[in-house]
């Protein structure tokens, strides 16, 4: 086996959804400002994890919500210690 493997959640998440998850996890809500897309902005992205599934038997097991919650908990703990 060689090459590149995508390791991702296997589903799309837009920035508004991501901000909602971060707000739910952190308790911090930030104002959202909408603007015209900048040159080079990527409108849609979805990593194809099928090669990792086929070659490695890998599948995502952590949701974005759970992963961000764990990351936030780790960050808070590392800052307080």
PDB file of N, CA and C in Angstrom:
ATOM      1  N   UNK A   1       0.833  -1.183   0.000  1.00  0.00           N
ATOM      2  CA  UNK A   1       0.000   0.000   0.000  1.00  0.00           C
ATOM      3  C   UNK A   1       0.876   1.244   0.000  1.00  0.00           C
ATOM      4  N   UNK A   2       0.504   2.163  -0.809  1.00  0.00           N
ATOM      5  CA  UNK A   2       1.179   3.453  -0.812  1.00  0.00           C
ATOM      6  C   UNK A   2       0.231   4.474  -1.413  1.00  0.00           C
ATOM      7  N   UNK A   3       0.569   5.706  -1.233  1.00  0.00           N
ATOM      8  CA  UNK A   3      -0.249   6.762  -1.802  1.00  0.00           C
ATOM      9  C   UNK A   3      -0.866   7.627  -0.725  1.00  0.00           C
ATOM     10  N   UNK A   4      -1.876   8.347  -1.123  1.00  0.00           N
ATOM     11  CA  UNK A   4      -2.534   9.310  -0.248  1.00  0.00           C
ATOM     12  C   UNK A   4      -3.908   8.778   0.125  1.00  0.00           C
ATOM     13  N   UNK A   5      -4.242   8.921   1.401  1.00  0.00           N
ATOM     14  CA  UNK A   5      -5.557   8.511   1.901  1.00  0.00           C
ATOM     15  C   UNK A   5      -6.233   9.709   2.549  1.00  0.00           C
ATOM     16  N   UNK A   6      -7.493   9.920   2.211  1.00  0.00           N
ATOM     17  CA  UNK A   6      -8.282  10.951   2.877  1.00  0.00           C
ATOM     18  C   UNK A   6      -8.813  10.377   4.184  1.00  0.00           C
ATOM     19  N   UNK A   7      -8.628  11.103   5.247  1.00  0.00           N
ATOM     20  CA  UNK A   7      -9.189  10.738   6.540  1.00  0.00           C
ATOM     21  C   UNK A   7     -10.101  11.886   6.933  1.00  0.00           C
ATOM     22  N   UNK A   8     -11.400  11.640   6.893  1.00  0.00           N
ATOM     23  CA  UNK A   8     -12.376  12.707   7.131  1.00  0.00           C
ATOM     24  C   UNK A   8     -13.663  12.077   7.639  1.00  0.00           C
ATOM     25  N   UNK A   9     -14.633  12.917   7.877  1.00  0.00           N
ATOM     26  CA  UNK A   9     -15.904  12.449   8.420  1.00  0.00           C
ATOM     27  C   UNK A   9     -16.822  11.791   7.413  1.00  0.00           C
ATOM     28  N   UNK A  10     -16.558  11.993   6.134  1.00  0.00           N
ATOM     29  CA  UNK A  10     -17.379  11.357   5.115  1.00  0.00           C
ATOM     30  C   UNK A  10     -18.683  12.072   4.814  1.00  0.00           C
ATOM     31  N   UNK A  11     -18.879  13.272   5.377  1.00  0.00           N
ATOM     32  CA  UNK A  11     -20.083  14.041   5.055  1.00  0.00           C
ATOM     33  C   UNK A  11     -19.712  15.520   5.002  1.00  0.00           C
ATOM     34  N   UNK A  12     -20.540  16.286   4.311  1.00  0.00           N
ATOM     35  CA  UNK A  12     -20.283  17.715   4.170  1.00  0.00           C
ATOM     36  C   UNK A  12     -20.785  18.470   5.384  1.00  0.00           C
ATOM     37  N   UNK A  13     -20.133  19.568   5.656  1.00  0.00           N
ATOM     38  CA  UNK A  13     -20.513  20.449   6.752  1.00  0.00           C
ATOM     39  C   UNK A  13     -20.231  21.861   6.275  1.00  0.00           C
ATOM     40  N   UNK A  14     -21.250  22.717   6.283  1.00  0.00           N
ATOM     41  CA  UNK A  14     -20.978  24.089   5.842  1.00  0.00           C
ATOM     42  C   UNK A  14     -20.503  24.936   7.016  1.00  0.00           C
ATOM     43  N   UNK A  15     -20.025  26.124   6.729  1.00  0.00           N
ATOM     44  CA  UNK A  15     -19.428  26.962   7.765  1.00  0.00           C
ATOM     45  C   UNK A  15     -20.431  27.385   8.830  1.00  0.00           C
ATOM     46  N   UNK A  16     -21.675  27.604   8.445  1.00  0.00           N
ATOM     47  CA  UNK A  16     -22.700  27.976   9.424  1.00  0.00           C
ATOM     48  C   UNK A  16     -22.926  26.814  10.384  1.00  0.00           C
ATOM     49  N   UNK A  17     -23.004  25.594   9.859  1.00  0.00           N
ATOM     50  CA  UNK A  17     -23.154  24.416  10.721  1.00  0.00           C
ATOM     51  C   UNK A  17     -21.961  24.263  11.653  1.00  0.00           C
ATOM     52  N   UNK A  18     -20.761  24.479  11.124  1.00  0.00           N
ATOM     53  CA  UNK A  18     -19.556  24.385  11.943  1.00  0.00           C
ATOM     54  C   UNK A  18     -19.577  25.426  13.064  1.00  0.00           C
ATOM     55  N   UNK A  19     -19.954  26.654  12.745  1.00  0.00           N
ATOM     56  CA  UNK A  19     -20.043  27.698  13.771  1.00  0.00           C
ATOM     57  C   UNK A  19     -21.057  27.334  14.854  1.00  0.00           C
ATOM     58  N   UNK A  20     -22.165  26.732  14.466  1.00  0.00           N
ATOM     59  CA  UNK A  20     -23.172  26.294  15.437  1.00  0.00           C
ATOM     60  C   UNK A  20     -22.608  25.233  16.375  1.00  0.00           C
ATOM     61  N   UNK A  21     -21.892  24.283  15.817  1.00  0.00           N
ATOM     62  CA  UNK A  21     -21.292  23.230  16.642  1.00  0.00           C
ATOM     63  C   UNK A  21     -20.277  23.835  17.604  1.00  0.00           C
ATOM     64  N   UNK A  22     -19.435  24.719  17.107  1.00  0.00           N
ATOM     65  CA  UNK A  22     -18.434  25.362  17.964  1.00  0.00           C
ATOM     66  C   UNK A  22     -19.118  26.159  19.070  1.00  0.00           C
ATOM     67  N   UNK A  23     -20.183  26.869  18.734  1.00  0.00           N
ATOM     68  CA  UNK A  23     -20.920  27.641  19.740  1.00  0.00           C
ATOM     69  C   UNK A  23     -21.537  26.722  20.784  1.00  0.00           C
ATOM     70  N   UNK A  24     -22.101  25.605  20.352  1.00  0.00           N
ATOM     71  CA  UNK A  24     -22.701  24.651  21.287  1.00  0.00           C
ATOM     72  C   UNK A  24     -21.648  24.065  22.221  1.00  0.00           C
ATOM     73  N   UNK A  25     -20.492  23.740  21.676  1.00  0.00           N
ATOM     74  CA  UNK A  25     -19.418  23.121  22.452  1.00  0.00           C
ATOM     75  C   UNK A  25     -18.783  24.120  23.417  1.00  0.00           C
ATOM     76  N   UNK A  26     -18.530  25.333  22.928  1.00  0.00           N
ATOM     77  CA  UNK A  26     -17.768  26.307  23.708  1.00  0.00           C
ATOM     78  C   UNK A  26     -18.635  27.246  24.535  1.00  0.00           C
ATOM     79  N   UNK A  27     -19.896  27.363  24.139  1.00  0.00           N
ATOM     80  CA  UNK A  27     -20.761  28.336  24.800  1.00  0.00           C
ATOM     81  C   UNK A  27     -20.506  29.757  24.325  1.00  0.00           C
ATOM     82  N   UNK A  28     -19.713  29.892  23.268  1.00  0.00           N
ATOM     83  CA  UNK A  28     -19.376  31.216  22.736  1.00  0.00           C
ATOM     84  C   UNK A  28     -19.994  31.370  21.353  1.00  0.00           C
ATOM     85  N   UNK A  29     -20.783  32.400  21.206  1.00  0.00           N
ATOM     86  CA  UNK A  29     -21.385  32.690  19.909  1.00  0.00           C
ATOM     87  C   UNK A  29     -20.726  33.951  19.352  1.00  0.00           C
ATOM     88  N   UNK A  30     -20.393  33.894  18.093  1.00  0.00           N
ATOM     89  CA  UNK A  30     -19.767  35.047  17.449  1.00  0.00           C
ATOM     90  C   UNK A  30     -20.694  35.559  16.356  1.00  0.00           C
ATOM     91  N   UNK A  31     -20.680  36.867  16.130  1.00  0.00           N
ATOM     92  CA  UNK A  31     -21.520  37.397  15.050  1.00  0.00           C
ATOM     93  C   UNK A  31     -20.985  36.932  13.691  1.00  0.00           C
ATOM     94  N   UNK A  32     -21.883  36.636  12.804  1.00  0.00           N
ATOM     95  CA  UNK A  32     -21.510  36.177  11.462  1.00  0.00           C
ATOM     96  C   UNK A  32     -21.735  37.316  10.489  1.00  0.00           C
ATOM     97  N   UNK A  33     -20.733  37.574   9.682  1.00  0.00           N
ATOM     98  CA  UNK A  33     -20.812  38.602   8.659  1.00  0.00           C
ATOM     99  C   UNK A  33     -20.741  37.940   7.292  1.00  0.00           C
ATOM    100  N   UNK A  34     -21.748  38.129   6.492  1.00  0.00           N
ATOM    101  CA  UNK A  34     -21.772  37.545   5.152  1.00  0.00           C
ATOM    102  C   UNK A  34     -21.192  38.533   4.151  1.00  0.00           C
ATOM    103  N   UNK A  35     -20.408  38.022   3.228  1.00  0.00           N
ATOM    104  CA  UNK A  35     -19.804  38.852   2.190  1.00  0.00           C
ATOM    105  C   UNK A  35     -19.754  38.052   0.895  1.00  0.00           C
ATOM    106  N   UNK A  36     -19.408  38.730  -0.159  1.00  0.00           N
ATOM    107  CA  UNK A  36     -19.267  38.053  -1.446  1.00  0.00           C
ATOM    108  C   UNK A  36     -18.067  37.097  -1.366  1.00  0.00           C
ATOM    109  N   UNK A  37     -18.156  35.955  -2.047  1.00  0.00           N
ATOM    110  CA  UNK A  37     -17.023  35.027  -2.050  1.00  0.00           C
ATOM    111  C   UNK A  37     -15.770  35.701  -2.624  1.00  0.00           C
ATOM    112  N   UNK A  38     -14.641  35.373  -2.058  1.00  0.00           N
ATOM    113  CA  UNK A  38     -13.369  35.880  -2.571  1.00  0.00           C
ATOM    114  C   UNK A  38     -12.895  34.990  -3.709  1.00  0.00           C
ATOM    115  N   UNK A  39     -12.064  35.528  -4.558  1.00  0.00           N
ATOM    116  CA  UNK A  39     -11.491  34.745  -5.656  1.00  0.00           C
ATOM    117  C   UNK A  39     -10.760  33.540  -5.068  1.00  0.00           C
ATOM    118  N   UNK A  40     -11.035  32.385  -5.594  1.00  0.00           N
ATOM    119  CA  UNK A  40     -10.363  31.172  -5.135  1.00  0.00           C
ATOM    120  C   UNK A  40     -11.078  30.449  -4.004  1.00  0.00           C
ATOM    121  N   UNK A  41     -12.148  31.034  -3.460  1.00  0.00           N
ATOM    122  CA  UNK A  41     -12.903  30.348  -2.406  1.00  0.00           C
ATOM    123  C   UNK A  41     -13.445  29.018  -2.922  1.00  0.00           C
ATOM    124  N   UNK A  42     -13.396  28.020  -2.093  1.00  0.00           N
ATOM    125  CA  UNK A  42     -13.952  26.711  -2.437  1.00  0.00           C
ATOM    126  C   UNK A  42     -15.381  26.669  -1.925  1.00  0.00           C
ATOM    127  N   UNK A  43     -16.321  26.462  -2.832  1.00  0.00           N
ATOM    128  CA  UNK A  43     -17.739  26.505  -2.451  1.00  0.00           C
ATOM    129  C   UNK A  43     -18.199  25.201  -1.818  1.00  0.00           C
ATOM    130  N   UNK A  44     -17.713  24.087  -2.304  1.00  0.00           N
ATOM    131  CA  UNK A  44     -18.143  22.782  -1.789  1.00  0.00           C
ATOM    132  C   UNK A  44     -16.926  21.862  -1.711  1.00  0.00           C
ATOM    133  N   UNK A  45     -16.849  21.105  -0.632  1.00  0.00           N
ATOM    134  CA  UNK A  45     -15.736  20.179  -0.476  1.00  0.00           C
ATOM    135  C   UNK A  45     -16.219  18.952   0.288  1.00  0.00           C
ATOM    136  N   UNK A  46     -15.837  17.796  -0.182  1.00  0.00           N
ATOM    137  CA  UNK A  46     -16.186  16.548   0.491  1.00  0.00           C
ATOM    138  C   UNK A  46     -15.065  15.553   0.205  1.00  0.00           C
ATOM    139  N   UNK A  47     -14.339  15.185   1.250  1.00  0.00           N
ATOM    140  CA  UNK A  47     -13.242  14.234   1.084  1.00  0.00           C
ATOM    141  C   UNK A  47     -13.801  12.841   0.813  1.00  0.00           C
ATOM    142  N   UNK A  48     -13.262  12.175  -0.167  1.00  0.00           N
ATOM    143  CA  UNK A  48     -13.666  10.806  -0.506  1.00  0.00           C
ATOM    144  C   UNK A  48     -12.818   9.840   0.318  1.00  0.00           C
ATOM    145  N   UNK A  49     -13.446   9.173   1.277  1.00  0.00           N
ATOM    146  CA  UNK A  49     -12.719   8.264   2.170  1.00  0.00           C
ATOM    147  C   UNK A  49     -12.808   6.810   1.699  1.00  0.00           C
ATOM    148  N   UNK A  50     -13.320   6.580   0.503  1.00  0.00           N
ATOM    149  CA  UNK A  50     -13.547   5.206   0.036  1.00  0.00           C
ATOM    150  C   UNK A  50     -12.239   4.412  -0.118  1.00  0.00           C
ATOM    151  N   UNK A  51     -11.152   5.063  -0.508  1.00  0.00           N
ATOM    152  CA  UNK A  51      -9.879   4.343  -0.661  1.00  0.00           C
ATOM    153  C   UNK A  51      -9.365   3.869   0.700  1.00  0.00           C
ATOM    154  N   UNK A  52      -9.469   4.715   1.723  1.00  0.00           N
ATOM    155  CA  UNK A  52      -9.056   4.318   3.075  1.00  0.00           C
ATOM    156  C   UNK A  52      -9.943   3.190   3.584  1.00  0.00           C
ATOM    157  N   UNK A  53     -11.209   3.244   3.251  1.00  0.00           N
ATOM    158  CA  UNK A  53     -12.130   2.178   3.661  1.00  0.00           C
ATOM    159  C   UNK A  53     -11.756   0.858   2.979  1.00  0.00           C
ATOM    160  N   UNK A  54     -11.491   0.930   1.678  1.00  0.00           N
ATOM    161  CA  UNK A  54     -11.191  -0.279   0.906  1.00  0.00           C
ATOM    162  C   UNK A  54      -9.825  -0.864   1.276  1.00  0.00           C
ATOM    163  N   UNK A  55      -8.795  -0.042   1.301  1.00  0.00           N
ATOM    164  CA  UNK A  55      -7.441  -0.537   1.512  1.00  0.00           C
ATOM    165  C   UNK A  55      -7.096  -0.792   2.981  1.00  0.00           C
ATOM    166  N   UNK A  56      -7.652   0.028   3.865  1.00  0.00           N
ATOM    167  CA  UNK A  56      -7.259  -0.021   5.276  1.00  0.00           C
ATOM    168  C   UNK A  56      -8.360  -0.516   6.209  1.00  0.00           C
ATOM    169  N   UNK A  57      -9.563  -0.649   5.666  1.00  0.00           N
ATOM    170  CA  UNK A  57     -10.693  -1.023   6.515  1.00  0.00           C
ATOM    171  C   UNK A  57     -11.080   0.098   7.468  1.00  0.00           C
ATOM    172  N   UNK A  58     -10.717   1.331   7.114  1.00  0.00           N
ATOM    173  CA  UNK A  58     -10.952   2.478   7.978  1.00  0.00           C
ATOM    174  C   UNK A  58     -12.323   3.080   7.718  1.00  0.00           C
ATOM    175  N   UNK A  59     -12.956   3.549   8.767  1.00  0.00           N
ATOM    176  CA  UNK A  59     -14.206   4.300   8.658  1.00  0.00           C
ATOM    177  C   UNK A  59     -14.237   5.313   9.789  1.00  0.00           C
ATOM    178  N   UNK A  60     -14.838   6.471   9.552  1.00  0.00           N
ATOM    179  CA  UNK A  60     -14.914   7.463  10.626  1.00  0.00           C
ATOM    180  C   UNK A  60     -15.771   6.930  11.779  1.00  0.00           C
ATOM    181  N   UNK A  61     -15.307   7.191  13.007  1.00  0.00           N
ATOM    182  CA  UNK A  61     -16.052   6.734  14.183  1.00  0.00           C
ATOM    183  C   UNK A  61     -16.394   7.873  15.125  1.00  0.00           C
ATOM    184  N   UNK A  62     -15.854   9.054  14.869  1.00  0.00           N
ATOM    185  CA  UNK A  62     -16.098  10.206  15.728  1.00  0.00           C
ATOM    186  C   UNK A  62     -16.839  11.268  14.935  1.00  0.00           C
ATOM    187  N   UNK A  63     -17.935  11.745  15.478  1.00  0.00           N
ATOM    188  CA  UNK A  63     -18.676  12.815  14.812  1.00  0.00           C
ATOM    189  C   UNK A  63     -17.932  14.138  14.977  1.00  0.00           C
ATOM    190  N   UNK A  64     -18.268  15.092  14.152  1.00  0.00           N
ATOM    191  CA  UNK A  64     -17.660  16.420  14.276  1.00  0.00           C
ATOM    192  C   UNK A  64     -17.972  16.991  15.658  1.00  0.00           C
ATOM    193  N   UNK A  65     -19.198  16.814  16.114  1.00  0.00           N
ATOM    194  CA  UNK A  65     -19.600  17.334  17.417  1.00  0.00           C
ATOM    195  C   UNK A  65     -18.744  16.735  18.538  1.00  0.00           C
ATOM    196  N   UNK A  66     -18.601  15.417  18.529  1.00  0.00           N
ATOM    197  CA  UNK A  66     -17.827  14.741  19.572  1.00  0.00           C
ATOM    198  C   UNK A  66     -16.350  15.105  19.487  1.00  0.00           C
ATOM    199  N   UNK A  67     -15.812  15.181  18.287  1.00  0.00           N
ATOM    200  CA  UNK A  67     -14.402  15.527  18.116  1.00  0.00           C
ATOM    201  C   UNK A  67     -14.095  16.945  18.567  1.00  0.00           C
ATOM    202  N   UNK A  68     -14.969  17.885  18.219  1.00  0.00           N
ATOM    203  CA  UNK A  68     -14.753  19.267  18.651  1.00  0.00           C
ATOM    204  C   UNK A  68     -14.941  19.406  20.156  1.00  0.00           C
ATOM    205  N   UNK A  69     -15.870  18.654  20.732  1.00  0.00           N
ATOM    206  CA  UNK A  69     -16.051  18.690  22.186  1.00  0.00           C
ATOM    207  C   UNK A  69     -14.797  18.183  22.891  1.00  0.00           C
ATOM    208  N   UNK A  70     -14.233  17.079  22.410  1.00  0.00           N
ATOM    209  CA  UNK A  70     -12.996  16.555  22.999  1.00  0.00           C
ATOM    210  C   UNK A  70     -11.846  17.530  22.832  1.00  0.00           C
ATOM    211  N   UNK A  71     -11.743  18.141  21.667  1.00  0.00           N
ATOM    212  CA  UNK A  71     -10.691  19.121  21.404  1.00  0.00           C
ATOM    213  C   UNK A  71     -10.839  20.317  22.351  1.00  0.00           C
ATOM    214  N   UNK A  72     -12.050  20.789  22.520  1.00  0.00           N
ATOM    215  CA  UNK A  72     -12.305  21.934  23.398  1.00  0.00           C
ATOM    216  C   UNK A  72     -11.975  21.583  24.851  1.00  0.00           C
ATOM    217  N   UNK A  73     -12.366  20.403  25.288  1.00  0.00           N
ATOM    218  CA  UNK A  73     -12.051  19.963  26.651  1.00  0.00           C
ATOM    219  C   UNK A  73     -10.538  19.899  26.853  1.00  0.00           C
ATOM    220  N   UNK A  74      -9.825  19.337  25.879  1.00  0.00           N
ATOM    221  CA  UNK A  74      -8.366  19.245  25.973  1.00  0.00           C
ATOM    222  C   UNK A  74      -7.752  20.642  26.051  1.00  0.00           C
ATOM    223  N   UNK A  75      -8.217  21.540  25.197  1.00  0.00           N
ATOM    224  CA  UNK A  75      -7.665  22.893  25.172  1.00  0.00           C
ATOM    225  C   UNK A  75      -7.881  23.596  26.496  1.00  0.00           C
ATOM    226  N   UNK A  76      -9.096  23.505  27.025  1.00  0.00           N
ATOM    227  CA  UNK A  76      -9.384  24.146  28.327  1.00  0.00           C
ATOM    228  C   UNK A  76      -8.496  23.572  29.429  1.00  0.00           C
ATOM    229  N   UNK A  77      -8.343  22.258  29.429  1.00  0.00           N
ATOM    230  CA  UNK A  77      -7.514  21.603  30.458  1.00  0.00           C
ATOM    231  C   UNK A  77      -6.051  22.022  30.317  1.00  0.00           C
ATOM    232  N   UNK A  78      -5.564  22.136  29.082  1.00  0.00           N
ATOM    233  CA  UNK A  78      -4.153  22.481  28.877  1.00  0.00           C
ATOM    234  C   UNK A  78      -3.889  23.945  29.240  1.00  0.00           C
ATOM    235  N   UNK A  79      -4.887  24.789  29.116  1.00  0.00           N
ATOM    236  CA  UNK A  79      -4.719  26.215  29.447  1.00  0.00           C
ATOM    237  C   UNK A  79      -4.793  26.471  30.949  1.00  0.00           C
ATOM    238  N   UNK A  80      -5.450  25.578  31.680  1.00  0.00           N
ATOM    239  CA  UNK A  80      -5.641  25.817  33.114  1.00  0.00           C
ATOM    240  C   UNK A  80      -4.529  25.193  33.962  1.00  0.00           C
ATOM    241  N   UNK A  81      -3.667  24.426  33.337  1.00  0.00           N
ATOM    242  CA  UNK A  81      -2.732  23.674  34.117  1.00  0.00           C
ATOM    243  C   UNK A  81      -1.358  24.098  34.192  1.00  0.00           C
TER     244      UNK A  81
END
